[in-house]
Amino acid sequence: MASRGISEAVVRKYQITTQNGKESILCFPFFNQDNELKFIKYRNLDYVKGQGAKEWCEANCMPILFGMDQCNLENKQLVITEGQIDSLSVAEAGIENAVSVPTGCNGFTWIPHCWDWLENFTSIIVFGDCENGKITLVDELLKRFPNKIKVVREQDYQGCKDANEILQKYGTDAICNAIHNAVAPPTKQIKRLADVE
């Protein structure tokens, strides 16, 4: 984790471990707001493309957001990333309430389990992966939470794919600036008056 810019303090705070007898298998425990373990995700650090799975989840668990137990509900801003290492990167930058989705950009089975908890937040900043000029997670979350969503601007990724790459290349200030500069996405059906001839 140190090679990804994540400090020992953050690793310990989020209780990141390895599988018994398998030092190359990272374990990410997902605790809910009551500090109950609900989900576990594994990541193979020795993964070689085409040889087995890079990531997988413990069977028969409840998908929830990673980092819920670390959130301060008095702070009404939540930051959602796609990957666990990305949310740890946001936490490394000193930003409160950094969480990540459990099963990637296309998995939204966590929403029913986290719906009531998400009502605690007036603003949700999406810090998904920036791929092909598009930020992941945004479209689906806009459908579910249209009044709460802000998005990290593409230019604040500075050519990077995600929060962890930003952290490694540009440091914690770049993470903070990206979150501070997040904006509400434009409504697709509305044209700005200034753009009308």
N, C-alpha and C. Protein backbone atom coordinates (compact mmCIF):
# COMPACT_ATOMS: atom_id res chain seq x y z
N MET A 1 0.83 -1.20 0.00
CA MET A 1 0.00 0.00 0.00
C MET A 1 0.87 1.26 0.00
N ALA A 2 2.03 1.16 0.64
CA ALA A 2 2.94 2.32 0.65
C ALA A 2 3.33 2.70 -0.77
N SER A 3 3.49 1.71 -1.66
CA SER A 3 3.85 2.00 -3.04
C SER A 3 2.74 2.73 -3.79
N ARG A 4 1.51 2.67 -3.25
CA ARG A 4 0.38 3.36 -3.86
C ARG A 4 0.11 4.71 -3.17
N GLY A 5 0.99 5.09 -2.23
CA GLY A 5 0.85 6.37 -1.55
C GLY A 5 -0.05 6.33 -0.34
N ILE A 6 -0.42 5.13 0.12
CA ILE A 6 -1.32 4.98 1.26
C ILE A 6 -0.48 4.68 2.51
N SER A 7 -0.63 5.51 3.53
CA SER A 7 0.18 5.38 4.74
C SER A 7 -0.28 4.23 5.63
N GLU A 8 0.60 3.81 6.51
CA GLU A 8 0.26 2.75 7.47
C GLU A 8 -0.90 3.18 8.35
N ALA A 9 -0.95 4.47 8.71
CA ALA A 9 -2.04 4.95 9.58
C ALA A 9 -3.40 4.75 8.93
N VAL A 10 -3.50 5.05 7.64
CA VAL A 10 -4.78 4.88 6.93
C VAL A 10 -5.10 3.40 6.78
N VAL A 11 -4.11 2.58 6.46
CA VAL A 11 -4.32 1.13 6.33
C VAL A 11 -4.84 0.55 7.64
N ARG A 12 -4.25 0.96 8.75
CA ARG A 12 -4.71 0.46 10.06
C ARG A 12 -6.11 0.97 10.40
N LYS A 13 -6.37 2.24 10.11
CA LYS A 13 -7.68 2.83 10.41
C LYS A 13 -8.80 2.08 9.69
N TYR A 14 -8.56 1.69 8.44
CA TYR A 14 -9.58 1.00 7.65
C TYR A 14 -9.47 -0.53 7.77
N GLN A 15 -8.57 -1.00 8.63
CA GLN A 15 -8.42 -2.41 8.96
C GLN A 15 -8.13 -3.29 7.74
N ILE A 16 -7.28 -2.78 6.84
CA ILE A 16 -6.88 -3.56 5.68
C ILE A 16 -5.89 -4.62 6.14
N THR A 17 -6.13 -5.87 5.71
CA THR A 17 -5.25 -6.98 6.10
C THR A 17 -4.94 -7.82 4.86
N THR A 18 -4.28 -8.96 5.09
CA THR A 18 -4.08 -9.95 4.04
C THR A 18 -4.72 -11.25 4.48
N GLN A 19 -4.96 -12.13 3.52
CA GLN A 19 -5.54 -13.42 3.83
C GLN A 19 -4.55 -14.26 4.62
N ASN A 20 -5.05 -15.08 5.54
CA ASN A 20 -4.17 -15.95 6.32
C ASN A 20 -3.34 -16.83 5.41
N GLY A 21 -2.04 -16.74 5.55
CA GLY A 21 -1.13 -17.58 4.78
C GLY A 21 -0.95 -17.13 3.33
N LYS A 22 -1.58 -16.03 2.95
CA LYS A 22 -1.46 -15.53 1.57
C LYS A 22 -1.20 -14.03 1.61
N GLU A 23 0.04 -13.66 1.76
CA GLU A 23 0.42 -12.26 1.91
C GLU A 23 0.12 -11.42 0.67
N SER A 24 -0.07 -12.07 -0.47
CA SER A 24 -0.32 -11.32 -1.70
C SER A 24 -1.81 -11.08 -1.96
N ILE A 25 -2.67 -11.52 -1.03
CA ILE A 25 -4.11 -11.32 -1.17
C ILE A 25 -4.56 -10.28 -0.15
N LEU A 26 -4.85 -9.05 -0.63
CA LEU A 26 -5.35 -8.00 0.26
C LEU A 26 -6.81 -8.25 0.60
N CYS A 27 -7.20 -7.94 1.83
CA CYS A 27 -8.59 -8.06 2.27
C CYS A 27 -9.11 -6.69 2.66
N PHE A 28 -10.22 -6.30 2.05
CA PHE A 28 -10.87 -5.04 2.37
C PHE A 28 -12.17 -5.35 3.12
N PRO A 29 -12.23 -5.07 4.42
CA PRO A 29 -13.47 -5.32 5.16
C PRO A 29 -14.43 -4.14 5.05
N PHE A 30 -15.70 -4.44 4.79
CA PHE A 30 -16.73 -3.41 4.65
C PHE A 30 -17.60 -3.44 5.91
N PHE A 31 -17.45 -2.44 6.75
CA PHE A 31 -18.26 -2.32 7.97
C PHE A 31 -19.36 -1.29 7.74
N ASN A 32 -20.54 -1.55 8.27
CA ASN A 32 -21.62 -0.56 8.16
C ASN A 32 -21.47 0.51 9.24
N GLN A 33 -22.44 1.40 9.32
CA GLN A 33 -22.37 2.52 10.28
C GLN A 33 -22.37 2.05 11.73
N ASP A 34 -22.83 0.83 11.97
CA ASP A 34 -22.84 0.27 13.33
C ASP A 34 -21.62 -0.60 13.59
N ASN A 35 -20.61 -0.49 12.73
CA ASN A 35 -19.36 -1.23 12.85
C ASN A 35 -19.56 -2.75 12.74
N GLU A 36 -20.56 -3.16 11.97
CA GLU A 36 -20.81 -4.58 11.72
C GLU A 36 -20.21 -4.96 10.38
N LEU A 37 -19.44 -6.03 10.35
CA LEU A 37 -18.82 -6.50 9.11
C LEU A 37 -19.90 -7.11 8.22
N LYS A 38 -20.08 -6.54 7.02
CA LYS A 38 -21.15 -6.97 6.12
C LYS A 38 -20.64 -7.54 4.79
N PHE A 39 -19.39 -7.23 4.43
CA PHE A 39 -18.91 -7.58 3.09
C PHE A 39 -17.39 -7.63 3.13
N ILE A 40 -16.79 -8.50 2.35
CA ILE A 40 -15.33 -8.58 2.25
C ILE A 40 -14.95 -8.70 0.79
N LYS A 41 -13.98 -7.90 0.38
CA LYS A 41 -13.48 -7.96 -0.99
C LYS A 41 -11.98 -8.27 -0.95
N TYR A 42 -11.54 -9.08 -1.91
CA TYR A 42 -10.15 -9.50 -1.98
C TYR A 42 -9.51 -8.96 -3.26
N ARG A 43 -8.21 -8.70 -3.17
CA ARG A 43 -7.46 -8.23 -4.35
C ARG A 43 -6.14 -8.98 -4.40
N ASN A 44 -5.87 -9.61 -5.55
CA ASN A 44 -4.64 -10.37 -5.75
C ASN A 44 -3.53 -9.43 -6.21
N LEU A 45 -2.54 -9.22 -5.35
CA LEU A 45 -1.44 -8.31 -5.67
C LEU A 45 -0.49 -8.90 -6.71
N ASP A 46 -0.53 -10.23 -6.90
CA ASP A 46 0.32 -10.89 -7.88
C ASP A 46 -0.42 -11.20 -9.17
N TYR A 47 -1.55 -10.52 -9.38
CA TYR A 47 -2.39 -10.81 -10.54
C TYR A 47 -1.63 -10.61 -11.85
N VAL A 48 -1.79 -11.58 -12.74
CA VAL A 48 -1.26 -11.50 -14.10
C VAL A 48 -2.46 -11.62 -15.03
N LYS A 49 -2.59 -10.68 -15.96
CA LYS A 49 -3.75 -10.65 -16.85
C LYS A 49 -3.95 -12.00 -17.53
N GLY A 50 -5.19 -12.49 -17.46
CA GLY A 50 -5.52 -13.77 -18.08
C GLY A 50 -5.30 -14.97 -17.19
N GLN A 51 -4.79 -14.74 -15.97
CA GLN A 51 -4.53 -15.85 -15.05
C GLN A 51 -5.30 -15.65 -13.75
N GLY A 52 -6.51 -16.13 -13.70
CA GLY A 52 -7.33 -16.01 -12.50
C GLY A 52 -7.94 -14.63 -12.35
N ALA A 53 -8.54 -14.42 -11.19
CA ALA A 53 -9.24 -13.16 -10.92
C ALA A 53 -8.33 -12.16 -10.22
N LYS A 54 -8.49 -10.89 -10.59
CA LYS A 54 -7.76 -9.82 -9.92
C LYS A 54 -8.44 -9.47 -8.61
N GLU A 55 -9.79 -9.42 -8.63
CA GLU A 55 -10.57 -9.09 -7.43
C GLU A 55 -11.76 -10.02 -7.35
N TRP A 56 -12.21 -10.31 -6.14
CA TRP A 56 -13.42 -11.09 -5.92
C TRP A 56 -13.97 -10.78 -4.53
N CYS A 57 -15.20 -11.23 -4.29
CA CYS A 57 -15.89 -10.94 -3.04
C CYS A 57 -16.22 -12.22 -2.30
N GLU A 58 -16.31 -12.12 -0.99
CA GLU A 58 -16.79 -13.23 -0.18
C GLU A 58 -18.24 -13.51 -0.56
N ALA A 59 -18.59 -14.77 -0.69
CA ALA A 59 -19.95 -15.15 -1.10
C ALA A 59 -20.96 -14.86 0.00
N ASN A 60 -22.19 -14.62 -0.42
CA ASN A 60 -23.35 -14.47 0.49
C ASN A 60 -23.19 -13.34 1.50
N CYS A 61 -22.61 -12.24 1.06
CA CYS A 61 -22.47 -11.07 1.92
C CYS A 61 -23.37 -9.95 1.41
N MET A 62 -23.59 -8.94 2.26
CA MET A 62 -24.42 -7.79 1.89
C MET A 62 -23.53 -6.70 1.29
N PRO A 63 -23.74 -6.34 0.02
CA PRO A 63 -22.93 -5.28 -0.58
C PRO A 63 -23.29 -3.92 0.01
N ILE A 64 -22.28 -3.25 0.56
CA ILE A 64 -22.45 -1.90 1.10
C ILE A 64 -21.25 -1.07 0.66
N LEU A 65 -21.23 0.18 1.00
CA LEU A 65 -20.11 1.05 0.66
C LEU A 65 -18.93 0.81 1.60
N PHE A 66 -17.74 0.75 1.04
CA PHE A 66 -16.53 0.62 1.84
C PHE A 66 -16.23 1.94 2.53
N GLY A 67 -16.02 1.89 3.86
CA GLY A 67 -15.67 3.09 4.62
C GLY A 67 -16.83 3.73 5.35
N MET A 68 -18.02 3.13 5.31
CA MET A 68 -19.18 3.71 5.99
C MET A 68 -18.91 3.93 7.48
N ASP A 69 -18.23 3.00 8.10
CA ASP A 69 -17.96 3.08 9.54
C ASP A 69 -17.03 4.22 9.90
N GLN A 70 -16.29 4.75 8.92
CA GLN A 70 -15.34 5.84 9.19
C GLN A 70 -15.96 7.22 8.98
N CYS A 71 -17.20 7.27 8.53
CA CYS A 71 -17.79 8.56 8.16
C CYS A 71 -18.31 9.34 9.37
N ASN A 72 -18.18 10.65 9.26
CA ASN A 72 -18.68 11.59 10.25
C ASN A 72 -20.01 12.13 9.74
N LEU A 73 -21.11 11.72 10.35
CA LEU A 73 -22.43 12.08 9.85
C LEU A 73 -22.78 13.55 10.08
N GLU A 74 -21.98 14.25 10.87
CA GLU A 74 -22.19 15.69 11.04
C GLU A 74 -21.67 16.46 9.83
N ASN A 75 -20.74 15.87 9.10
CA ASN A 75 -20.26 16.43 7.84
C ASN A 75 -21.21 15.94 6.76
N LYS A 76 -21.91 16.84 6.10
CA LYS A 76 -22.98 16.46 5.17
C LYS A 76 -22.49 16.21 3.75
N GLN A 77 -21.19 16.15 3.54
CA GLN A 77 -20.62 15.87 2.22
C GLN A 77 -20.02 14.47 2.20
N LEU A 78 -20.38 13.68 1.19
CA LEU A 78 -19.86 12.33 1.01
C LEU A 78 -19.11 12.27 -0.32
N VAL A 79 -17.98 11.58 -0.36
CA VAL A 79 -17.22 11.38 -1.59
C VAL A 79 -17.28 9.90 -1.93
N ILE A 80 -17.77 9.57 -3.14
CA ILE A 80 -17.86 8.18 -3.58
C ILE A 80 -16.87 7.94 -4.71
N THR A 81 -16.01 6.93 -4.53
CA THR A 81 -15.07 6.54 -5.57
C THR A 81 -15.44 5.15 -6.10
N GLU A 82 -14.78 4.75 -7.18
CA GLU A 82 -15.06 3.43 -7.74
C GLU A 82 -14.32 2.34 -6.99
N GLY A 83 -13.05 2.57 -6.66
CA GLY A 83 -12.23 1.53 -6.03
C GLY A 83 -11.88 1.84 -4.59
N GLN A 84 -11.58 0.78 -3.83
CA GLN A 84 -11.23 0.95 -2.42
C GLN A 84 -9.92 1.75 -2.27
N ILE A 85 -8.94 1.47 -3.12
CA ILE A 85 -7.68 2.21 -3.01
C ILE A 85 -7.88 3.68 -3.35
N ASP A 86 -8.86 3.97 -4.20
CA ASP A 86 -9.19 5.38 -4.49
C ASP A 86 -9.79 6.07 -3.27
N SER A 87 -10.69 5.40 -2.57
CA SER A 87 -11.28 6.03 -1.37
C SER A 87 -10.22 6.18 -0.28
N LEU A 88 -9.30 5.23 -0.20
CA LEU A 88 -8.19 5.36 0.76
C LEU A 88 -7.29 6.53 0.37
N SER A 89 -7.16 6.80 -0.93
CA SER A 89 -6.36 7.94 -1.40
C SER A 89 -6.99 9.25 -0.98
N VAL A 90 -8.32 9.32 -1.05
CA VAL A 90 -9.04 10.52 -0.60
C VAL A 90 -8.86 10.69 0.91
N ALA A 91 -8.97 9.59 1.64
CA ALA A 91 -8.75 9.64 3.10
C ALA A 91 -7.32 10.07 3.41
N GLU A 92 -6.38 9.59 2.62
CA GLU A 92 -4.97 9.97 2.81
C GLU A 92 -4.78 11.48 2.67
N ALA A 93 -5.61 12.10 1.83
CA ALA A 93 -5.54 13.55 1.63
C ALA A 93 -6.23 14.32 2.76
N GLY A 94 -6.75 13.61 3.75
CA GLY A 94 -7.38 14.26 4.89
C GLY A 94 -8.84 14.62 4.68
N ILE A 95 -9.45 14.08 3.63
CA ILE A 95 -10.86 14.35 3.33
C ILE A 95 -11.72 13.36 4.09
N GLU A 96 -12.68 13.86 4.86
CA GLU A 96 -13.61 12.99 5.57
C GLU A 96 -14.62 12.38 4.63
N ASN A 97 -15.21 11.28 5.06
CA ASN A 97 -16.37 10.67 4.38
C ASN A 97 -16.06 10.19 2.98
N ALA A 98 -14.93 9.50 2.84
CA ALA A 98 -14.57 8.89 1.56
C ALA A 98 -15.00 7.43 1.58
N VAL A 99 -15.85 7.06 0.64
CA VAL A 99 -16.32 5.68 0.53
C VAL A 99 -16.13 5.21 -0.90
N SER A 100 -16.25 3.90 -1.11
CA SER A 100 -16.18 3.36 -2.47
C SER A 100 -17.22 2.27 -2.64
N VAL A 101 -17.61 2.07 -3.90
CA VAL A 101 -18.61 1.05 -4.21
C VAL A 101 -17.97 -0.33 -4.10
N PRO A 102 -18.76 -1.36 -3.80
CA PRO A 102 -18.17 -2.68 -3.55
C PRO A 102 -17.77 -3.47 -4.79
N THR A 103 -18.51 -3.33 -5.89
CA THR A 103 -18.29 -4.24 -7.01
C THR A 103 -18.11 -3.52 -8.35
N GLY A 104 -17.43 -2.40 -8.33
CA GLY A 104 -17.09 -1.72 -9.57
C GLY A 104 -18.16 -0.80 -10.10
N CYS A 105 -17.86 -0.22 -11.26
CA CYS A 105 -18.70 0.86 -11.80
C CYS A 105 -20.06 0.41 -12.29
N ASN A 106 -20.25 -0.88 -12.52
CA ASN A 106 -21.55 -1.35 -13.01
C ASN A 106 -22.36 -2.07 -11.95
N GLY A 107 -21.86 -2.13 -10.74
CA GLY A 107 -22.57 -2.84 -9.66
C GLY A 107 -23.25 -1.86 -8.72
N PHE A 108 -24.59 -1.86 -8.73
CA PHE A 108 -25.33 -0.92 -7.87
C PHE A 108 -26.25 -1.65 -6.90
N THR A 109 -25.93 -2.91 -6.59
CA THR A 109 -26.75 -3.68 -5.64
C THR A 109 -26.62 -3.13 -4.22
N TRP A 110 -25.65 -2.27 -3.98
CA TRP A 110 -25.45 -1.69 -2.65
C TRP A 110 -26.48 -0.60 -2.32
N ILE A 111 -27.09 0.01 -3.33
CA ILE A 111 -27.95 1.16 -3.08
C ILE A 111 -29.11 0.85 -2.12
N PRO A 112 -29.86 -0.23 -2.30
CA PRO A 112 -30.96 -0.49 -1.35
C PRO A 112 -30.48 -0.65 0.10
N HIS A 113 -29.28 -1.21 0.26
CA HIS A 113 -28.75 -1.44 1.61
C HIS A 113 -28.20 -0.16 2.25
N CYS A 114 -27.92 0.85 1.43
CA CYS A 114 -27.32 2.09 1.93
C CYS A 114 -28.25 3.29 1.78
N TRP A 115 -29.44 3.09 1.24
CA TRP A 115 -30.35 4.19 0.91
C TRP A 115 -30.62 5.09 2.12
N ASP A 116 -31.05 4.52 3.22
CA ASP A 116 -31.37 5.32 4.41
C ASP A 116 -30.14 6.05 4.93
N TRP A 117 -29.00 5.38 4.91
CA TRP A 117 -27.76 5.99 5.40
C TRP A 117 -27.36 7.17 4.53
N LEU A 118 -27.56 7.05 3.22
CA LEU A 118 -27.21 8.14 2.30
C LEU A 118 -28.06 9.39 2.52
N GLU A 119 -29.23 9.22 3.15
CA GLU A 119 -30.08 10.37 3.45
C GLU A 119 -29.42 11.34 4.43
N ASN A 120 -28.36 10.90 5.09
CA ASN A 120 -27.63 11.77 6.02
C ASN A 120 -26.86 12.88 5.30
N PHE A 121 -26.67 12.75 3.98
CA PHE A 121 -25.78 13.65 3.26
C PHE A 121 -26.55 14.54 2.29
N THR A 122 -26.21 15.82 2.31
CA THR A 122 -26.87 16.76 1.38
C THR A 122 -26.11 16.88 0.07
N SER A 123 -24.85 16.43 0.06
CA SER A 123 -24.03 16.51 -1.15
C SER A 123 -23.22 15.23 -1.31
N ILE A 124 -23.27 14.66 -2.52
CA ILE A 124 -22.48 13.48 -2.85
C ILE A 124 -21.56 13.87 -4.00
N ILE A 125 -20.26 13.78 -3.76
CA ILE A 125 -19.28 14.08 -4.80
C ILE A 125 -18.81 12.76 -5.41
N VAL A 126 -19.01 12.64 -6.72
CA VAL A 126 -18.59 11.43 -7.44
C VAL A 126 -17.16 11.63 -7.94
N PHE A 127 -16.27 10.75 -7.49
CA PHE A 127 -14.86 10.78 -7.89
C PHE A 127 -14.55 9.42 -8.52
N GLY A 128 -15.30 9.12 -9.61
CA GLY A 128 -15.14 7.84 -10.29
C GLY A 128 -13.86 7.80 -11.11
N ASP A 129 -13.72 6.74 -11.89
CA ASP A 129 -12.58 6.65 -12.81
C ASP A 129 -12.88 7.50 -14.04
N CYS A 130 -11.86 8.15 -14.57
CA CYS A 130 -12.00 8.97 -15.77
C CYS A 130 -11.49 8.16 -16.95
N GLU A 131 -12.46 7.67 -17.76
CA GLU A 131 -12.12 6.80 -18.88
C GLU A 131 -12.80 7.28 -20.15
N ASN A 132 -12.02 7.49 -21.19
CA ASN A 132 -12.55 7.91 -22.49
C ASN A 132 -13.43 9.16 -22.39
N GLY A 133 -12.99 10.13 -21.60
CA GLY A 133 -13.72 11.39 -21.48
C GLY A 133 -14.99 11.30 -20.67
N LYS A 134 -15.15 10.25 -19.88
CA LYS A 134 -16.36 10.06 -19.08
C LYS A 134 -15.98 9.63 -17.68
N ILE A 135 -16.73 10.11 -16.69
CA ILE A 135 -16.49 9.74 -15.30
C ILE A 135 -17.46 8.62 -14.93
N THR A 136 -16.91 7.49 -14.45
CA THR A 136 -17.77 6.36 -14.08
C THR A 136 -18.63 6.70 -12.86
N LEU A 137 -19.71 5.98 -12.70
CA LEU A 137 -20.69 6.07 -11.59
C LEU A 137 -21.68 7.22 -11.75
N VAL A 138 -21.33 8.25 -12.50
CA VAL A 138 -22.11 9.49 -12.53
C VAL A 138 -23.54 9.26 -13.03
N ASP A 139 -23.68 8.65 -14.19
CA ASP A 139 -25.01 8.54 -14.80
C ASP A 139 -26.01 7.82 -13.90
N GLU A 140 -25.58 6.70 -13.33
CA GLU A 140 -26.50 5.93 -12.49
C GLU A 140 -26.83 6.67 -11.20
N LEU A 141 -25.85 7.31 -10.58
CA LEU A 141 -26.12 8.03 -9.34
C LEU A 141 -26.98 9.26 -9.59
N LEU A 142 -26.84 9.88 -10.75
CA LEU A 142 -27.71 11.01 -11.10
C LEU A 142 -29.17 10.57 -11.21
N LYS A 143 -29.39 9.37 -11.71
CA LYS A 143 -30.77 8.86 -11.80
C LYS A 143 -31.37 8.66 -10.42
N ARG A 144 -30.54 8.22 -9.48
CA ARG A 144 -31.04 7.88 -8.13
C ARG A 144 -31.07 9.09 -7.19
N PHE A 145 -30.08 9.97 -7.31
CA PHE A 145 -29.93 11.10 -6.38
C PHE A 145 -29.70 12.41 -7.14
N PRO A 146 -30.63 12.85 -7.97
CA PRO A 146 -30.37 13.99 -8.86
C PRO A 146 -30.06 15.30 -8.16
N ASN A 147 -30.60 15.53 -6.98
CA ASN A 147 -30.42 16.82 -6.31
C ASN A 147 -29.15 16.91 -5.49
N LYS A 148 -28.45 15.80 -5.33
CA LYS A 148 -27.31 15.78 -4.42
C LYS A 148 -25.96 15.68 -5.11
N ILE A 149 -25.93 15.36 -6.39
CA ILE A 149 -24.69 14.95 -7.04
C ILE A 149 -23.84 16.12 -7.55
N LYS A 150 -22.55 16.05 -7.21
CA LYS A 150 -21.52 16.88 -7.83
C LYS A 150 -20.48 15.91 -8.39
N VAL A 151 -19.72 16.37 -9.37
CA VAL A 151 -18.76 15.49 -10.03
C VAL A 151 -17.40 16.19 -10.10
N VAL A 152 -16.33 15.44 -9.85
CA VAL A 152 -14.99 15.98 -10.06
C VAL A 152 -14.82 16.29 -11.54
N ARG A 153 -14.31 17.48 -11.83
CA ARG A 153 -14.16 17.92 -13.22
C ARG A 153 -13.06 17.11 -13.92
N GLU A 154 -13.28 16.84 -15.19
CA GLU A 154 -12.31 16.03 -15.94
C GLU A 154 -10.92 16.66 -15.91
N GLN A 155 -10.83 17.99 -16.00
CA GLN A 155 -9.52 18.64 -16.02
C GLN A 155 -8.77 18.46 -14.71
N ASP A 156 -9.50 18.22 -13.61
CA ASP A 156 -8.82 18.03 -12.32
C ASP A 156 -8.23 16.63 -12.16
N TYR A 157 -8.51 15.73 -13.11
CA TYR A 157 -7.82 14.43 -13.12
C TYR A 157 -6.41 14.57 -13.67
N GLN A 158 -6.13 15.68 -14.35
CA GLN A 158 -4.80 15.99 -14.89
C GLN A 158 -4.22 14.84 -15.71
N GLY A 159 -5.09 14.20 -16.51
CA GLY A 159 -4.64 13.10 -17.35
C GLY A 159 -4.56 11.76 -16.66
N CYS A 160 -4.92 11.71 -15.38
CA CYS A 160 -4.88 10.46 -14.62
C CYS A 160 -6.21 9.72 -14.72
N LYS A 161 -6.19 8.44 -14.38
CA LYS A 161 -7.38 7.60 -14.46
C LYS A 161 -8.26 7.72 -13.22
N ASP A 162 -7.64 7.85 -12.05
CA ASP A 162 -8.42 7.79 -10.82
C ASP A 162 -7.71 8.54 -9.69
N ALA A 163 -8.36 8.53 -8.52
CA ALA A 163 -7.83 9.28 -7.37
C ALA A 163 -6.46 8.78 -6.94
N ASN A 164 -6.24 7.46 -7.00
CA ASN A 164 -4.95 6.96 -6.56
C ASN A 164 -3.82 7.39 -7.48
N GLU A 165 -4.07 7.40 -8.77
CA GLU A 165 -3.04 7.86 -9.71
C GLU A 165 -2.75 9.34 -9.51
N ILE A 166 -3.80 10.12 -9.23
CA ILE A 166 -3.60 11.55 -8.93
C ILE A 166 -2.73 11.70 -7.68
N LEU A 167 -3.04 10.92 -6.65
CA LEU A 167 -2.27 10.97 -5.41
C LEU A 167 -0.80 10.65 -5.68
N GLN A 168 -0.54 9.60 -6.44
CA GLN A 168 0.84 9.18 -6.69
C GLN A 168 1.61 10.21 -7.53
N LYS A 169 0.94 10.81 -8.51
CA LYS A 169 1.65 11.74 -9.40
C LYS A 169 1.71 13.16 -8.88
N TYR A 170 0.64 13.61 -8.20
CA TYR A 170 0.53 15.03 -7.87
C TYR A 170 0.34 15.33 -6.37
N GLY A 171 0.10 14.30 -5.56
CA GLY A 171 0.03 14.50 -4.12
C GLY A 171 -1.35 14.83 -3.59
N THR A 172 -1.41 15.02 -2.28
CA THR A 172 -2.69 15.20 -1.59
C THR A 172 -3.38 16.52 -1.95
N ASP A 173 -2.59 17.55 -2.25
CA ASP A 173 -3.22 18.84 -2.61
C ASP A 173 -4.07 18.70 -3.87
N ALA A 174 -3.62 17.90 -4.82
CA ALA A 174 -4.38 17.71 -6.06
C ALA A 174 -5.69 16.99 -5.79
N ILE A 175 -5.69 16.06 -4.84
CA ILE A 175 -6.93 15.37 -4.45
C ILE A 175 -7.89 16.38 -3.82
N CYS A 176 -7.39 17.18 -2.89
CA CYS A 176 -8.23 18.19 -2.22
C CYS A 176 -8.80 19.18 -3.22
N ASN A 177 -7.97 19.65 -4.15
CA ASN A 177 -8.44 20.60 -5.15
C ASN A 177 -9.51 19.99 -6.04
N ALA A 178 -9.33 18.74 -6.43
CA ALA A 178 -10.31 18.07 -7.29
C ALA A 178 -11.67 18.00 -6.60
N ILE A 179 -11.67 17.69 -5.33
CA ILE A 179 -12.93 17.60 -4.58
C ILE A 179 -13.53 18.99 -4.37
N HIS A 180 -12.69 19.94 -4.03
CA HIS A 180 -13.16 21.32 -3.81
C HIS A 180 -13.79 21.91 -5.08
N ASN A 181 -13.25 21.55 -6.25
CA ASN A 181 -13.71 22.09 -7.53
C ASN A 181 -14.87 21.31 -8.15
N ALA A 182 -15.35 20.26 -7.47
CA ALA A 182 -16.43 19.44 -8.03
C ALA A 182 -17.66 20.31 -8.33
N VAL A 183 -18.35 19.98 -9.42
CA VAL A 183 -19.48 20.77 -9.87
C VAL A 183 -20.70 19.89 -10.13
N ALA A 184 -21.88 20.51 -10.09
CA ALA A 184 -23.08 19.79 -10.48
C ALA A 184 -23.02 19.57 -11.99
N PRO A 185 -23.28 18.36 -12.45
CA PRO A 185 -23.23 18.13 -13.90
C PRO A 185 -24.34 18.89 -14.61
N PRO A 186 -24.08 19.35 -15.83
CA PRO A 186 -25.12 20.09 -16.55
C PRO A 186 -26.30 19.19 -16.90
N THR A 187 -27.49 19.76 -16.89
CA THR A 187 -28.67 19.02 -17.30
C THR A 187 -28.67 18.91 -18.82
N LYS A 188 -28.79 17.69 -19.33
CA LYS A 188 -28.62 17.46 -20.77
C LYS A 188 -29.71 18.12 -21.60
N GLN A 189 -30.92 18.25 -21.06
CA GLN A 189 -32.03 18.78 -21.85
C GLN A 189 -32.07 20.31 -21.85
N ILE A 190 -31.20 20.95 -21.11
CA ILE A 190 -31.25 22.41 -20.99
C ILE A 190 -30.06 23.02 -21.71
N LYS A 191 -30.32 24.04 -22.51
CA LYS A 191 -29.27 24.77 -23.19
C LYS A 191 -29.09 26.12 -22.50
N ARG A 192 -27.85 26.50 -22.25
CA ARG A 192 -27.60 27.80 -21.63
C ARG A 192 -28.02 28.90 -22.59
N LEU A 193 -28.66 29.96 -22.05
CA LEU A 193 -29.13 31.07 -22.88
C LEU A 193 -27.96 31.70 -23.64
N ALA A 194 -26.79 31.73 -23.03
CA ALA A 194 -25.62 32.31 -23.69
C ALA A 194 -25.20 31.52 -24.94
N ASP A 195 -25.63 30.26 -25.03
CA ASP A 195 -25.28 29.41 -26.17
C ASP A 195 -26.32 29.50 -27.30
N VAL A 196 -27.40 30.22 -27.07
CA VAL A 196 -28.45 30.35 -28.09
C VAL A 196 -28.15 31.55 -28.97
N GLU A 197 -28.14 31.34 -30.29
CA GLU A 197 -27.85 32.45 -31.21
C GLU A 197 -29.06 33.37 -31.32
